C-alpha atoms as a PDB file:
ATOM      1  CA  UNK A   1     -39.491 -84.832 -27.669  1.00  0.00           C
ATOM      2  CA  UNK A   2     -37.466 -81.628 -26.884  1.00  0.00           C
ATOM      3  CA  UNK A   3     -38.340 -78.452 -28.684  1.00  0.00           C
ATOM      4  CA  UNK A   4     -34.778 -77.271 -28.554  1.00  0.00           C
ATOM      5  CA  UNK A   5     -31.500 -79.044 -29.037  1.00  0.00           C
ATOM      6  CA  UNK A   6     -28.445 -78.161 -26.871  1.00  0.00           C
ATOM      7  CA  UNK A   7     -27.039 -76.094 -29.691  1.00  0.00           C
ATOM      8  CA  UNK A   8     -30.303 -74.229 -30.181  1.00  0.00           C
ATOM      9  CA  UNK A   9     -30.452 -73.395 -26.462  1.00  0.00           C
ATOM     10  CA  UNK A  10     -27.003 -71.802 -26.795  1.00  0.00           C
ATOM     11  CA  UNK A  11     -28.335 -69.715 -29.694  1.00  0.00           C
ATOM     12  CA  UNK A  12     -31.416 -68.665 -27.640  1.00  0.00           C
ATOM     13  CA  UNK A  13     -29.105 -67.668 -24.771  1.00  0.00           C
ATOM     14  CA  UNK A  14     -27.161 -65.422 -27.116  1.00  0.00           C
ATOM     15  CA  UNK A  15     -30.406 -63.735 -28.131  1.00  0.00           C
ATOM     16  CA  UNK A  16     -31.524 -63.282 -24.541  1.00  0.00           C
ATOM     17  CA  UNK A  17     -28.164 -61.887 -23.598  1.00  0.00           C
ATOM     18  CA  UNK A  18     -28.282 -59.372 -26.484  1.00  0.00           C
ATOM     19  CA  UNK A  19     -31.751 -58.327 -25.431  1.00  0.00           C
ATOM     20  CA  UNK A  20     -30.481 -57.733 -21.812  1.00  0.00           C
ATOM     21  CA  UNK A  21     -27.650 -55.552 -23.118  1.00  0.00           C
ATOM     22  CA  UNK A  22     -30.017 -53.600 -25.395  1.00  0.00           C
ATOM     23  CA  UNK A  23     -32.459 -53.098 -22.501  1.00  0.00           C
ATOM     24  CA  UNK A  24     -29.643 -51.685 -20.294  1.00  0.00           C
ATOM     25  CA  UNK A  25     -28.762 -49.104 -22.922  1.00  0.00           C
ATOM     26  CA  UNK A  26     -32.495 -48.332 -23.599  1.00  0.00           C
ATOM     27  CA  UNK A  27     -33.087 -47.841 -19.864  1.00  0.00           C
ATOM     28  CA  UNK A  28     -30.523 -45.133 -19.696  1.00  0.00           C
ATOM     29  CA  UNK A  29     -32.038 -43.473 -22.812  1.00  0.00           C
ATOM     30  CA  UNK A  30     -35.576 -43.718 -21.439  1.00  0.00           C
ATOM     31  CA  UNK A  31     -34.441 -42.052 -18.233  1.00  0.00           C
ATOM     32  CA  UNK A  32     -33.335 -39.119 -20.339  1.00  0.00           C
ATOM     33  CA  UNK A  33     -36.815 -39.014 -22.032  1.00  0.00           C
ATOM     34  CA  UNK A  34     -35.306 -39.874 -25.429  1.00  0.00           C
ATOM     35  CA  UNK A  35     -37.479 -41.067 -28.391  1.00  0.00           C
ATOM     36  CA  UNK A  36     -35.923 -44.565 -28.341  1.00  0.00           C
ATOM     37  CA  UNK A  37     -36.255 -46.288 -24.989  1.00  0.00           C
ATOM     38  CA  UNK A  38     -36.145 -49.741 -23.513  1.00  0.00           C
ATOM     39  CA  UNK A  39     -38.432 -51.514 -25.914  1.00  0.00           C
ATOM     40  CA  UNK A  40     -36.790 -50.127 -29.050  1.00  0.00           C
ATOM     41  CA  UNK A  41     -33.275 -51.015 -27.919  1.00  0.00           C
ATOM     42  CA  UNK A  42     -34.313 -54.554 -26.746  1.00  0.00           C
ATOM     43  CA  UNK A  43     -35.994 -55.173 -30.099  1.00  0.00           C
ATOM     44  CA  UNK A  44     -33.025 -53.899 -32.114  1.00  0.00           C
ATOM     45  CA  UNK A  45     -30.503 -55.942 -30.125  1.00  0.00           C
ATOM     46  CA  UNK A  46     -32.721 -59.103 -30.070  1.00  0.00           C
ATOM     47  CA  UNK A  47     -33.473 -58.980 -33.787  1.00  0.00           C
ATOM     48  CA  UNK A  48     -29.815 -58.244 -34.751  1.00  0.00           C
ATOM     49  CA  UNK A  49     -28.716 -61.286 -32.697  1.00  0.00           C
ATOM     50  CA  UNK A  50     -31.386 -63.446 -34.195  1.00  0.00           C
ATOM     51  CA  UNK A  51     -30.424 -62.506 -37.787  1.00  0.00           C
ATOM     52  CA  UNK A  52     -26.732 -63.075 -36.961  1.00  0.00           C
ATOM     53  CA  UNK A  53     -27.510 -66.518 -35.615  1.00  0.00           C
ATOM     54  CA  UNK A  54     -29.550 -67.309 -38.720  1.00  0.00           C
ATOM     55  CA  UNK A  55     -26.815 -65.969 -40.933  1.00  0.00           C
ATOM     56  CA  UNK A  56     -24.133 -68.133 -39.324  1.00  0.00           C
ATOM     57  CA  UNK A  57     -26.045 -71.349 -38.532  1.00  0.00           C
ATOM     58  CA  UNK A  58     -29.301 -71.364 -40.373  1.00  0.00           C
ATOM     59  CA  UNK A  59     -27.968 -72.869 -43.575  1.00  0.00           C
ATOM     60  CA  UNK A  60     -26.026 -75.883 -42.176  1.00  0.00           C
ATOM     61  CA  UNK A  61     -28.505 -78.345 -43.646  1.00  0.00           C
ATOM     62  CA  UNK A  62     -27.715 -77.042 -47.118  1.00  0.00           C
ATOM     63  CA  UNK A  63     -23.973 -77.433 -46.884  1.00  0.00           C
ATOM     64  CA  UNK A  64     -22.401 -79.673 -49.382  1.00  0.00           C
ATOM     65  CA  UNK A  65     -24.848 -78.834 -52.200  1.00  0.00           C
ATOM     66  CA  UNK A  66     -23.132 -77.617 -55.266  1.00  0.00           C
ATOM     67  CA  UNK A  67     -25.836 -75.195 -56.065  1.00  0.00           C
ATOM     68  CA  UNK A  68     -25.436 -73.265 -52.777  1.00  0.00           C
ATOM     69  CA  UNK A  69     -22.720 -70.700 -51.951  1.00  0.00           C
ATOM     70  CA  UNK A  70     -23.501 -69.368 -48.443  1.00  0.00           C
ATOM     71  CA  UNK A  71     -21.873 -66.123 -47.260  1.00  0.00           C
ATOM     72  CA  UNK A  72     -22.554 -65.348 -43.543  1.00  0.00           C
ATOM     73  CA  UNK A  73     -21.439 -61.810 -43.961  1.00  0.00           C
ATOM     74  CA  UNK A  74     -24.172 -60.821 -46.363  1.00  0.00           C
ATOM     75  CA  UNK A  75     -26.924 -60.796 -43.787  1.00  0.00           C
ATOM     76  CA  UNK A  76     -24.663 -58.941 -41.371  1.00  0.00           C
ATOM     77  CA  UNK A  77     -24.183 -56.164 -43.928  1.00  0.00           C
ATOM     78  CA  UNK A  78     -27.877 -55.926 -44.526  1.00  0.00           C
ATOM     79  CA  UNK A  79     -28.433 -55.511 -40.723  1.00  0.00           C
ATOM     80  CA  UNK A  80     -26.133 -52.472 -40.754  1.00  0.00           C
ATOM     81  CA  UNK A  81     -27.898 -50.931 -43.756  1.00  0.00           C
ATOM     82  CA  UNK A  82     -31.312 -51.490 -42.232  1.00  0.00           C
ATOM     83  CA  UNK A  83     -30.456 -49.995 -38.904  1.00  0.00           C
ATOM     84  CA  UNK A  84     -29.159 -46.943 -40.767  1.00  0.00           C
ATOM     85  CA  UNK A  85     -32.620 -46.231 -42.058  1.00  0.00           C
ATOM     86  CA  UNK A  86     -34.133 -46.709 -38.568  1.00  0.00           C
ATOM     87  CA  UNK A  87     -31.582 -44.286 -37.078  1.00  0.00           C
ATOM     88  CA  UNK A  88     -32.234 -41.717 -39.760  1.00  0.00           C
ATOM     89  CA  UNK A  89     -35.846 -41.643 -38.723  1.00  0.00           C
ATOM     90  CA  UNK A  90     -34.816 -40.614 -35.145  1.00  0.00           C
ATOM     91  CA  UNK A  91     -32.913 -37.457 -36.336  1.00  0.00           C
ATOM     92  CA  UNK A  92     -34.996 -34.401 -36.264  1.00  0.00           C
ATOM     93  CA  UNK A  93     -34.251 -30.982 -37.864  1.00  0.00           C
ATOM     94  CA  UNK A  94     -36.318 -28.303 -36.198  1.00  0.00           C
ATOM     95  CA  UNK A  95     -35.692 -24.531 -36.417  1.00  0.00           C
ATOM     96  CA  UNK A  96     -31.982 -24.919 -37.410  1.00  0.00           C
ATOM     97  CA  UNK A  97     -31.423 -27.287 -34.514  1.00  0.00           C
ATOM     98  CA  UNK A  98     -30.583 -31.006 -34.929  1.00  0.00           C
ATOM     99  CA  UNK A  99     -31.653 -33.503 -32.329  1.00  0.00           C
ATOM    100  CA  UNK A 100     -31.621 -37.280 -32.000  1.00  0.00           C
ATOM    101  CA  UNK A 101     -28.059 -37.896 -33.307  1.00  0.00           C
ATOM    102  CA  UNK A 102     -26.902 -39.570 -30.053  1.00  0.00           C
ATOM    103  CA  UNK A 103     -30.000 -41.730 -29.935  1.00  0.00           C
ATOM    104  CA  UNK A 104     -29.579 -42.813 -33.622  1.00  0.00           C
ATOM    105  CA  UNK A 105     -25.940 -43.647 -32.933  1.00  0.00           C
ATOM    106  CA  UNK A 106     -26.993 -45.554 -29.929  1.00  0.00           C
ATOM    107  CA  UNK A 107     -29.468 -47.615 -31.918  1.00  0.00           C
ATOM    108  CA  UNK A 108     -26.716 -48.375 -34.489  1.00  0.00           C
ATOM    109  CA  UNK A 109     -24.328 -49.425 -31.741  1.00  0.00           C
ATOM    110  CA  UNK A 110     -26.924 -51.537 -30.092  1.00  0.00           C
ATOM    111  CA  UNK A 111     -27.454 -53.447 -33.297  1.00  0.00           C
ATOM    112  CA  UNK A 112     -23.687 -54.076 -33.441  1.00  0.00           C
ATOM    113  CA  UNK A 113     -23.799 -55.433 -29.881  1.00  0.00           C
ATOM    114  CA  UNK A 114     -26.567 -57.785 -30.835  1.00  0.00           C
ATOM    115  CA  UNK A 115     -24.661 -58.927 -33.906  1.00  0.00           C
ATOM    116  CA  UNK A 116     -21.488 -59.582 -31.807  1.00  0.00           C
ATOM    117  CA  UNK A 117     -23.357 -61.608 -29.186  1.00  0.00           C
ATOM    118  CA  UNK A 118     -25.285 -63.442 -31.938  1.00  0.00           C
ATOM    119  CA  UNK A 119     -21.969 -64.468 -33.474  1.00  0.00           C
ATOM    120  CA  UNK A 120     -20.871 -65.790 -30.109  1.00  0.00           C
ATOM    121  CA  UNK A 121     -18.561 -62.927 -29.093  1.00  0.00           C
ATOM    122  CA  UNK A 122     -19.991 -62.594 -25.609  1.00  0.00           C
ATOM    123  CA  UNK A 123     -17.090 -60.710 -24.152  1.00  0.00           C
ATOM    124  CA  UNK A 124     -16.859 -58.178 -26.987  1.00  0.00           C
ATOM    125  CA  UNK A 125     -20.597 -57.569 -26.984  1.00  0.00           C
ATOM    126  CA  UNK A 126     -20.876 -57.213 -23.209  1.00  0.00           C
ATOM    127  CA  UNK A 127     -17.900 -54.904 -23.018  1.00  0.00           C
ATOM    128  CA  UNK A 128     -19.232 -52.646 -25.745  1.00  0.00           C
ATOM    129  CA  UNK A 129     -22.505 -52.416 -23.997  1.00  0.00           C
ATOM    130  CA  UNK A 130     -20.757 -51.281 -20.872  1.00  0.00           C
ATOM    131  CA  UNK A 131     -18.576 -48.850 -22.792  1.00  0.00           C
ATOM    132  CA  UNK A 132     -21.695 -47.209 -24.397  1.00  0.00           C
ATOM    133  CA  UNK A 133     -23.434 -46.918 -21.052  1.00  0.00           C
ATOM    134  CA  UNK A 134     -20.294 -45.351 -19.645  1.00  0.00           C
ATOM    135  CA  UNK A 135     -19.972 -42.826 -22.421  1.00  0.00           C
ATOM    136  CA  UNK A 136     -23.644 -41.809 -22.235  1.00  0.00           C
ATOM    137  CA  UNK A 137     -23.522 -41.311 -18.402  1.00  0.00           C
ATOM    138  CA  UNK A 138     -20.224 -39.527 -18.603  1.00  0.00           C
ATOM    139  CA  UNK A 139     -21.573 -37.003 -21.228  1.00  0.00           C
ATOM    140  CA  UNK A 140     -24.513 -36.212 -18.972  1.00  0.00           C
ATOM    141  CA  UNK A 141     -22.207 -35.639 -15.958  1.00  0.00           C
ATOM    142  CA  UNK A 142     -20.090 -33.433 -18.077  1.00  0.00           C
ATOM    143  CA  UNK A 143     -23.044 -31.289 -19.135  1.00  0.00           C
ATOM    144  CA  UNK A 144     -23.751 -30.617 -15.366  1.00  0.00           C
ATOM    145  CA  UNK A 145     -20.395 -28.794 -15.070  1.00  0.00           C
ATOM    146  CA  UNK A 146     -20.368 -27.231 -18.495  1.00  0.00           C
ATOM    147  CA  UNK A 147     -21.751 -23.794 -19.182  1.00  0.00           C
ATOM    148  CA  UNK A 148     -25.639 -23.824 -19.316  1.00  0.00           C
ATOM    149  CA  UNK A 149     -27.514 -23.309 -22.523  1.00  0.00           C
ATOM    150  CA  UNK A 150     -30.853 -21.636 -22.272  1.00  0.00           C
ATOM    151  CA  UNK A 151     -33.392 -19.723 -24.394  1.00  0.00           C
ATOM    152  CA  UNK A 152     -34.887 -16.254 -24.043  1.00  0.00           C
ATOM    153  CA  UNK A 153     -37.698 -14.756 -26.067  1.00  0.00           C
ATOM    154  CA  UNK A 154     -37.827 -11.017 -26.585  1.00  0.00           C
ATOM    155  CA  UNK A 155     -40.814  -9.208 -28.227  1.00  0.00           C
ATOM    156  CA  UNK A 156     -40.017  -5.894 -29.846  1.00  0.00           C
ATOM    157  CA  UNK A 157     -41.270  -3.501 -32.497  1.00  0.00           C
ATOM    158  CA  UNK A 158     -41.248  -4.671 -36.145  1.00  0.00           C
ATOM    159  CA  UNK A 159     -38.088  -2.893 -37.133  1.00  0.00           C
ATOM    160  CA  UNK A 160     -35.933  -4.977 -34.719  1.00  0.00           C
ATOM    161  CA  UNK A 161     -33.439  -2.152 -34.138  1.00  0.00           C
ATOM    162  CA  UNK A 162     -32.861  -3.421 -30.527  1.00  0.00           C
ATOM    163  CA  UNK A 163     -31.169  -6.718 -31.657  1.00  0.00           C
ATOM    164  CA  UNK A 164     -27.853  -5.110 -32.130  1.00  0.00           C
ATOM    165  CA  UNK A 165     -27.981  -3.674 -28.566  1.00  0.00           C
ATOM    166  CA  UNK A 166     -28.859  -7.119 -27.223  1.00  0.00           C
ATOM    167  CA  UNK A 167     -25.812  -8.618 -28.843  1.00  0.00           C
ATOM    168  CA  UNK A 168     -23.705  -5.918 -27.075  1.00  0.00           C
ATOM    169  CA  UNK A 169     -25.194  -6.849 -23.779  1.00  0.00           C
ATOM    170  CA  UNK A 170     -24.521 -10.531 -24.304  1.00  0.00           C
ATOM    171  CA  UNK A 171     -20.885  -9.755 -25.221  1.00  0.00           C
ATOM    172  CA  UNK A 172     -20.429  -7.614 -22.073  1.00  0.00           C
ATOM    173  CA  UNK A 173     -21.758 -10.469 -19.874  1.00  0.00           C
ATOM    174  CA  UNK A 174     -19.586 -13.030 -21.736  1.00  0.00           C
ATOM    175  CA  UNK A 175     -22.737 -14.830 -22.973  1.00  0.00           C
ATOM    176  CA  UNK A 176     -22.353 -16.766 -26.217  1.00  0.00           C
ATOM    177  CA  UNK A 177     -25.135 -16.642 -28.785  1.00  0.00           C
ATOM    178  CA  UNK A 178     -25.552 -20.255 -30.136  1.00  0.00           C
ATOM    179  CA  UNK A 179     -28.562 -19.375 -32.341  1.00  0.00           C
ATOM    180  CA  UNK A 180     -31.206 -16.809 -33.181  1.00  0.00           C
ATOM    181  CA  UNK A 181     -34.750 -17.484 -34.516  1.00  0.00           C
ATOM    182  CA  UNK A 182     -36.936 -14.584 -35.708  1.00  0.00           C
ATOM    183  CA  UNK A 183     -40.745 -14.681 -36.121  1.00  0.00           C
ATOM    184  CA  UNK A 184     -43.549 -12.163 -36.333  1.00  0.00           C
ATOM    185  CA  UNK A 185     -46.831 -11.861 -34.367  1.00  0.00           C
ATOM    186  CA  UNK A 186     -50.073 -11.000 -36.134  1.00  0.00           C
ATOM    187  CA  UNK A 187     -49.790  -7.402 -34.875  1.00  0.00           C
ATOM    188  CA  UNK A 188     -46.526  -7.066 -36.663  1.00  0.00           C
ATOM    189  CA  UNK A 189     -44.301  -7.265 -33.588  1.00  0.00           C
ATOM    190  CA  UNK A 190     -40.950  -9.062 -33.984  1.00  0.00           C
ATOM    191  CA  UNK A 191     -40.136 -12.026 -31.683  1.00  0.00           C
ATOM    192  CA  UNK A 192     -36.487 -12.932 -31.263  1.00  0.00           C
ATOM    193  CA  UNK A 193     -35.623 -16.252 -29.607  1.00  0.00           C
ATOM    194  CA  UNK A 194     -31.949 -16.422 -28.570  1.00  0.00           C
ATOM    195  CA  UNK A 195     -30.147 -19.702 -27.787  1.00  0.00           C
ATOM    196  CA  UNK A 196     -27.498 -18.648 -25.286  1.00  0.00           C
ATOM    197  CA  UNK A 197     -24.642 -20.303 -23.469  1.00  0.00           C
ATOM    198  CA  UNK A 198     -24.431 -18.700 -20.051  1.00  0.00           C
ATOM    199  CA  UNK A 199     -21.107 -18.539 -18.101  1.00  0.00           C
ATOM    200  CA  UNK A 200     -21.157 -20.194 -14.657  1.00  0.00           C
ATOM    201  CA  UNK A 201     -22.576 -17.989 -11.879  1.00  0.00           C
ATOM    202  CA  UNK A 202     -24.376 -15.417 -13.990  1.00  0.00           C
ATOM    203  CA  UNK A 203     -27.896 -14.604 -12.685  1.00  0.00           C
ATOM    204  CA  UNK A 204     -30.683 -14.583 -15.204  1.00  0.00           C
ATOM    205  CA  UNK A 205     -32.368 -11.698 -13.314  1.00  0.00           C
ATOM    206  CA  UNK A 206     -29.466  -9.358 -14.112  1.00  0.00           C
ATOM    207  CA  UNK A 207     -29.702 -10.120 -17.830  1.00  0.00           C
ATOM    208  CA  UNK A 208     -33.441  -9.622 -17.763  1.00  0.00           C
ATOM    209  CA  UNK A 209     -33.114  -6.201 -16.088  1.00  0.00           C
ATOM    210  CA  UNK A 210     -30.555  -5.077 -18.711  1.00  0.00           C
ATOM    211  CA  UNK A 211     -32.748  -6.141 -21.615  1.00  0.00           C
ATOM    212  CA  UNK A 212     -35.783  -4.568 -20.111  1.00  0.00           C
ATOM    213  CA  UNK A 213     -33.819  -1.339 -19.927  1.00  0.00           C
ATOM    214  CA  UNK A 214     -33.818  -1.209 -23.725  1.00  0.00           C
ATOM    215  CA  UNK A 215     -36.382   1.144 -25.298  1.00  0.00           C
ATOM    216  CA  UNK A 216     -39.368  -0.320 -27.071  1.00  0.00           C
ATOM    217  CA  UNK A 217     -38.873  -3.863 -25.684  1.00  0.00           C
ATOM    218  CA  UNK A 218     -42.446  -5.159 -25.226  1.00  0.00           C
ATOM    219  CA  UNK A 219     -41.814  -8.331 -23.243  1.00  0.00           C
ATOM    220  CA  UNK A 220     -39.115 -10.849 -22.199  1.00  0.00           C
ATOM    221  CA  UNK A 221     -39.666 -14.615 -21.415  1.00  0.00           C
ATOM    222  CA  UNK A 222     -36.999 -16.885 -20.124  1.00  0.00           C
END
C-alpha cells in the first residue's frame, strides 16, 4: 500500500520546491549575517506552501455537504496576517536607528512565494524568488559604489561647545551628518557619536587631524 497517491506526490513536490526557493533567499541573507537565515526562510516558505495546499485541497472529502461552505482564500489571508507578526519581530529600533526592515520584507515575500507554489503557480513563484534574489544582490552592489557611512565617537568636556565647530568641519569636507547620539561618562564628560556619510576619496586621517585640532577634545575613535 502506497503512503502517497500521485496527487499527494505533486503536493509534496510543491512544498519541496517552495522550501528550495526559500532556502536560496535565506542563503543570501545569511551571507550578509542577517537575523533570518536559511532555516527561517525554508520554514516560512515550506509552511506557507503546506497551508496553501491544505487550503485548496484539504477539504475535498467534505464537498457536497450542505453544512459546509469552503473558502480557500481564508487560510491564505491568515498566512499573510501571521507572517506580518513574524516580520515585526525582526524590526529593531535602537538609538534612533531602524534595522531589519529588509529582512522582514524578505520573510513576507518568501511566504508569498510559498503560497504561490503551494497553489500550483510554479512559474510565478520561481520567477519571484529570482527577482527577490536579484534585488537583494543589486542593493549590496549599489552600496559598494555609494558614499560610505561610518561612525565616529568624540569625547569632550561636559558643556559640548565643540559640537558646533565639528559641524563646520563636516560641512567644509562635504560630509553629511546622518545622525548624532549624545551620552555622558561617569566623570561628566560628553560623548558624541556621529553617523556620517563620507564622500568618495576622503581620508579618515585628515578628518581625525582636524577634529583633534579642536580645543578640549579628549579623545576620538573611528
